[in-house]
Amino acid sequence: MIQCSKQTDERRQVTTNREAETMECWLLHGALGMAADWRGFAKRLAGEKTGSRAVDLWRFLEGLALPLADFGRELNEEAGSEVFRGKGRALLGYSLGGRLALHALLEKHHPWQAAVVVSAHPGLESAAELDARRAEDATWATKALTGNWQEFVNAWNAQPILGQPLPRDPQLATRLITRRREIACSFVDWSLGAQQPLWDRLREISVPVLWVAGEYDAKFRSLAERAAACMPRATLAIAPGAGHRVPWDAEEWLACQTADFLRRGA
């Protein structure tokens, strides 16, 4: 079993692109992602007069095991402890980051004024599905921690639902191996199989939410339609010509949609 032992280094590595007097959007990457994946998107947001902050999710797993609910609490405490003189803060989470964003939004007295949830799953609903997903993710965790790294990455990207690999700089891509322990832990702590279904709690999220799915991502488009219908202030948006990886398949579209949504709804 993968053990996530405590380390003393509590790094806060983020990439920040702030615009004075604007909404600041915190960006949460997906599985096998990194904060640097948001560079192009952040530049487009800046062009729309929206600030951003790309969060390195792996630093939250440098210490003890961190369940999904506890992640939400830690992220909210971090955001709430900082002084920001703009109009407020929003969350944008993609895939794994979208599930993490939902848990942050379900915490009481959170600091977010709005959220954008992209290609995310509110939760499996049967014991059989949960068991199967935990077993599948345990296999991914073992490959991430002890297997050939490049074979692991190639196998992950070969999943049909994901489409084309992210357009990542090769030098940046090589840095991800330094996070293999945290990535392995994420397949245990943040597995969809370890997540309690959130469907019945989505109505508790009272801030405006833009729920996004790709036009060609049939599974997550269906999930998005159902999830948006469960929420009091949700808007559904379908990214034209995009699959699961909307922030890169439709980067300009998503940046424009996000900026416009935050200007109107937050």
Protein backbone atom coordinates (compact mmCIF):
# COMPACT_ATOMS: atom_id res chain seq x y z
CA MET A 1 0.00 0.00 0.00
CA ILE A 2 1.22 3.49 -0.82
CA GLN A 3 2.07 5.47 2.32
CA CYS A 4 2.04 9.26 2.20
CA SER A 5 4.41 10.16 5.02
CA LYS A 6 4.75 13.64 6.45
CA GLN A 7 7.40 15.97 5.08
CA THR A 8 8.50 19.24 6.63
CA ASP A 9 8.68 21.21 3.38
CA GLU A 10 5.31 22.90 2.93
CA ARG A 11 5.93 24.58 -0.40
CA ARG A 12 3.39 26.90 -1.91
CA GLN A 13 4.27 26.80 -5.57
CA VAL A 14 1.85 28.66 -7.78
CA THR A 15 1.93 30.53 -11.05
CA THR A 16 0.20 33.87 -10.72
CA ASN A 17 -1.10 36.29 -13.35
CA ARG A 18 -3.00 39.04 -11.59
CA GLU A 19 -4.87 42.00 -12.97
CA ALA A 20 -5.66 44.78 -10.49
CA GLU A 21 -9.33 45.18 -9.62
CA THR A 22 -10.39 42.01 -11.43
CA MET A 23 -11.71 38.63 -10.43
CA GLU A 24 -8.85 36.25 -9.72
CA CYS A 25 -9.44 32.72 -11.00
CA TRP A 26 -7.61 29.86 -9.27
CA LEU A 27 -6.86 27.09 -11.76
CA LEU A 28 -6.81 23.43 -10.66
CA HIS A 29 -5.22 20.98 -13.10
CA GLY A 30 -6.16 17.36 -13.74
CA ALA A 31 -4.54 13.98 -13.10
CA LEU A 32 -0.93 13.88 -14.32
CA GLY A 33 -1.23 17.64 -14.76
CA MET A 34 0.89 20.52 -13.53
CA ALA A 35 0.42 24.23 -12.87
CA ALA A 36 2.45 25.08 -15.97
CA ASP A 37 -0.20 23.44 -18.17
CA TRP A 38 -2.28 26.59 -17.67
CA ARG A 39 0.24 29.06 -19.12
CA GLY A 40 -1.47 29.53 -22.47
CA PHE A 41 -4.91 29.66 -20.91
CA ALA A 42 -3.76 32.17 -18.28
CA LYS A 43 -2.44 34.46 -21.01
CA ARG A 44 -5.78 34.32 -22.76
CA LEU A 45 -7.57 35.13 -19.50
CA ALA A 46 -5.26 38.09 -18.98
CA GLY A 47 -6.22 39.28 -22.45
CA GLU A 48 -9.82 39.19 -21.22
CA LYS A 49 -8.86 41.30 -18.18
CA THR A 50 -9.19 38.36 -15.79
CA GLY A 51 -6.44 37.45 -13.36
CA SER A 52 -5.45 33.88 -12.63
CA ARG A 53 -3.45 31.71 -10.28
CA ALA A 54 -2.41 28.20 -11.32
CA VAL A 55 -2.18 25.91 -8.31
CA ASP A 56 0.28 23.02 -8.00
CA LEU A 57 -2.04 20.36 -6.58
CA TRP A 58 0.77 17.90 -5.85
CA ARG A 59 2.10 19.98 -2.95
CA PHE A 60 -1.06 19.14 -1.01
CA LEU A 61 0.04 15.50 -1.05
CA GLU A 62 3.57 16.12 0.22
CA GLY A 63 2.43 15.34 3.73
CA LEU A 64 0.02 12.87 5.25
CA ALA A 65 -2.80 11.29 3.28
CA LEU A 66 -5.28 14.02 2.34
CA PRO A 67 -8.89 12.97 1.68
CA LEU A 68 -10.90 14.95 -0.84
CA ALA A 69 -12.96 16.77 1.79
CA ASP A 70 -9.83 17.82 3.65
CA PHE A 71 -8.33 19.20 0.44
CA GLY A 72 -11.28 21.55 0.10
CA ARG A 73 -10.75 22.81 3.63
CA GLU A 74 -7.02 23.36 3.11
CA LEU A 75 -7.44 25.18 -0.19
CA ASN A 76 -10.12 27.43 1.28
CA GLU A 77 -7.99 28.26 4.30
CA GLU A 78 -5.08 29.15 2.04
CA ALA A 79 -7.20 31.41 -0.15
CA GLY A 80 -8.95 32.98 2.80
CA SER A 81 -5.69 33.81 4.54
CA GLU A 82 -4.43 35.97 1.69
CA VAL A 83 -5.31 39.61 1.11
CA PHE A 84 -6.70 40.29 -2.35
CA ARG A 85 -7.81 43.74 -3.44
CA GLY A 86 -9.64 42.71 -6.58
CA LYS A 87 -13.32 41.93 -6.95
CA GLY A 88 -13.04 38.45 -5.54
CA ARG A 89 -11.92 34.91 -6.28
CA ALA A 90 -13.25 32.15 -8.47
CA LEU A 91 -12.30 28.49 -8.93
CA LEU A 92 -11.77 26.74 -12.25
CA GLY A 93 -11.16 23.01 -12.00
CA TYR A 94 -10.56 20.57 -14.84
CA SER A 95 -11.36 16.84 -14.45
CA LEU A 96 -9.67 15.82 -11.16
CA GLY A 97 -9.35 19.54 -10.41
CA GLY A 98 -13.07 19.93 -11.02
CA ARG A 99 -13.88 17.28 -8.41
CA LEU A 100 -11.51 18.99 -5.97
CA ALA A 101 -13.19 22.33 -6.70
CA LEU A 102 -16.60 20.85 -5.86
CA HIS A 103 -15.33 19.75 -2.46
CA ALA A 104 -13.97 23.25 -1.80
CA LEU A 105 -17.32 24.79 -2.75
CA LEU A 106 -19.18 22.44 -0.40
CA GLU A 107 -17.24 23.68 2.62
CA LYS A 108 -19.07 26.27 4.73
CA HIS A 109 -17.83 29.87 4.60
CA HIS A 110 -15.61 29.25 1.57
CA PRO A 111 -13.96 32.29 -0.10
CA TRP A 112 -15.17 31.71 -3.69
CA GLN A 113 -17.63 33.98 -5.49
CA ALA A 114 -18.04 31.74 -8.56
CA ALA A 115 -16.70 28.58 -10.16
CA VAL A 116 -16.12 26.94 -13.53
CA VAL A 117 -16.20 23.14 -13.52
CA VAL A 118 -14.79 21.43 -16.60
CA SER A 119 -15.10 17.73 -17.55
CA ALA A 120 -15.71 16.65 -13.95
CA HIS A 121 -17.54 13.70 -12.37
CA PRO A 122 -19.76 14.33 -9.28
CA GLY A 123 -19.38 10.71 -8.24
CA LEU A 124 -20.12 7.05 -8.88
CA GLU A 125 -23.34 5.79 -7.33
CA SER A 126 -23.08 2.03 -6.88
CA ALA A 127 -20.87 -0.01 -4.59
CA ALA A 128 -19.74 -2.14 -7.52
CA GLU A 129 -18.62 0.92 -9.51
CA LEU A 130 -16.80 2.35 -6.50
CA ASP A 131 -14.98 -0.92 -5.80
CA ALA A 132 -13.98 -1.33 -9.44
CA ARG A 133 -12.66 2.23 -9.66
CA ARG A 134 -10.62 1.90 -6.46
CA ALA A 135 -9.04 -1.28 -7.83
CA GLU A 136 -8.31 0.36 -11.17
CA ASP A 137 -6.76 3.43 -9.55
CA ALA A 138 -4.67 1.28 -7.20
CA THR A 139 -3.11 -0.25 -10.32
CA TRP A 140 -2.41 3.19 -11.75
CA ALA A 141 -0.86 4.21 -8.41
CA THR A 142 1.53 1.26 -8.46
CA LYS A 143 2.56 2.00 -12.04
CA ALA A 144 3.12 5.66 -11.18
CA LEU A 145 5.28 4.88 -8.17
CA THR A 146 7.31 1.83 -9.22
CA GLY A 147 6.84 1.27 -12.95
CA ASN A 148 8.63 2.71 -15.95
CA TRP A 149 7.59 6.36 -15.85
CA GLN A 150 7.31 6.99 -19.57
CA GLU A 151 5.34 3.79 -20.11
CA PHE A 152 2.98 4.88 -17.33
CA VAL A 153 2.48 8.34 -18.91
CA ASN A 154 2.00 6.84 -22.37
CA ALA A 155 -0.57 4.36 -21.06
CA TRP A 156 -2.48 7.15 -19.30
CA ASN A 157 -2.57 9.35 -22.40
CA ALA A 158 -3.62 6.40 -24.58
CA GLN A 159 -7.03 6.22 -22.90
CA PRO A 160 -9.58 6.96 -25.65
CA ILE A 161 -11.60 9.37 -23.51
CA LEU A 162 -8.65 11.76 -23.15
CA GLY A 163 -7.97 12.40 -26.83
CA GLN A 164 -4.73 14.08 -27.80
CA PRO A 165 -1.93 14.49 -25.19
CA LEU A 166 -1.51 17.96 -23.72
CA PRO A 167 0.71 20.31 -25.76
CA ARG A 168 3.37 20.35 -23.04
CA ASP A 169 6.95 21.61 -23.44
CA PRO A 170 9.23 18.52 -23.29
CA GLN A 171 11.46 20.14 -20.67
CA LEU A 172 8.44 20.81 -18.46
CA ALA A 173 7.15 17.29 -19.02
CA THR A 174 10.34 15.78 -17.62
CA ARG A 175 9.80 17.63 -14.33
CA LEU A 176 6.61 15.72 -13.63
CA ILE A 177 8.56 12.59 -12.69
CA THR A 178 9.75 14.42 -9.57
CA ARG A 179 6.11 14.28 -8.44
CA ARG A 180 5.61 10.57 -9.02
CA ARG A 181 5.08 9.86 -5.32
CA GLU A 182 2.40 12.56 -4.98
CA ILE A 183 0.77 11.47 -8.24
CA ALA A 184 0.68 7.89 -6.99
CA CYS A 185 -0.93 9.09 -3.74
CA SER A 186 -3.54 11.01 -5.73
CA PHE A 187 -4.77 7.76 -7.28
CA VAL A 188 -5.48 6.57 -3.74
CA ASP A 189 -6.56 9.67 -1.78
CA TRP A 190 -8.39 11.38 -4.66
CA SER A 191 -9.66 8.36 -6.55
CA LEU A 192 -13.17 8.66 -7.92
CA GLY A 193 -13.70 5.37 -6.12
CA ALA A 194 -12.83 7.03 -2.79
CA GLN A 195 -15.24 9.91 -3.39
CA GLN A 196 -18.66 9.94 -1.83
CA PRO A 197 -21.23 10.74 -4.55
CA LEU A 198 -21.97 14.46 -4.54
CA TRP A 199 -25.17 14.42 -6.60
CA ASP A 200 -27.45 15.03 -3.61
CA ARG A 201 -25.22 17.84 -2.35
CA LEU A 202 -24.82 19.85 -5.56
CA ARG A 203 -27.88 21.91 -4.59
CA GLU A 204 -25.87 23.21 -1.60
CA ILE A 205 -23.51 25.11 -3.91
CA SER A 206 -25.07 28.56 -3.97
CA VAL A 207 -22.51 30.52 -5.99
CA PRO A 208 -22.82 30.84 -9.79
CA VAL A 209 -21.27 27.83 -11.54
CA LEU A 210 -20.43 27.40 -15.21
CA TRP A 211 -20.36 23.64 -15.89
CA VAL A 212 -18.47 22.83 -19.09
CA ALA A 213 -18.09 19.69 -21.19
CA GLY A 214 -16.70 19.02 -24.65
CA GLU A 215 -19.01 18.51 -27.61
CA TYR A 216 -17.41 15.16 -28.42
CA ASP A 217 -17.09 13.93 -24.83
CA ALA A 218 -20.41 12.06 -24.66
CA LYS A 219 -19.94 10.64 -21.16
CA PHE A 220 -19.00 13.91 -19.47
CA ARG A 221 -21.47 15.91 -21.52
CA SER A 222 -24.24 13.73 -20.08
CA LEU A 223 -22.81 14.15 -16.56
CA ALA A 224 -22.62 17.93 -17.08
CA GLU A 225 -26.24 18.15 -18.19
CA ARG A 226 -27.42 16.22 -15.15
CA ALA A 227 -25.16 18.09 -12.71
CA ALA A 228 -26.14 21.56 -13.95
CA ALA A 229 -29.82 20.65 -13.55
CA CYS A 230 -29.18 19.81 -9.87
CA MET A 231 -27.73 23.20 -8.98
CA PRO A 232 -29.56 26.43 -8.16
CA ARG A 233 -27.27 28.77 -10.10
CA ALA A 234 -25.56 26.62 -12.71
CA THR A 235 -25.16 27.33 -16.41
CA LEU A 236 -24.30 24.56 -18.86
CA ALA A 237 -21.82 25.28 -21.65
CA ILE A 238 -20.75 22.83 -24.36
CA ALA A 239 -17.34 23.48 -25.93
CA PRO A 240 -17.63 23.18 -29.73
CA GLY A 241 -15.17 20.82 -31.37
CA ALA A 242 -13.69 19.72 -28.03
CA GLY A 243 -13.28 16.39 -26.32
CA HIS A 244 -12.48 15.77 -22.66
CA ARG A 245 -9.49 18.14 -22.53
CA VAL A 246 -11.53 21.28 -23.10
CA PRO A 247 -8.96 23.79 -21.70
CA TRP A 248 -6.57 22.76 -24.49
CA ASP A 249 -8.95 21.54 -27.19
CA ALA A 250 -10.87 24.83 -27.00
CA GLU A 251 -8.51 27.14 -25.08
CA GLU A 252 -9.64 30.45 -26.59
CA TRP A 253 -13.32 29.54 -26.33
CA LEU A 254 -13.02 28.53 -22.67
CA ALA A 255 -11.06 31.65 -21.74
CA CYS A 256 -13.70 33.87 -23.34
CA GLN A 257 -16.55 31.92 -21.75
CA THR A 258 -14.88 32.03 -18.33
CA ALA A 259 -14.10 35.74 -18.43
CA ASP A 260 -17.58 36.61 -19.66
CA PHE A 261 -19.21 34.38 -17.04
CA LEU A 262 -17.20 35.95 -14.23
CA ARG A 263 -18.00 39.46 -15.43
CA ARG A 264 -21.73 38.70 -15.58
CA GLY A 265 -22.27 36.29 -12.73
CA ALA A 266 -19.78 36.97 -9.97
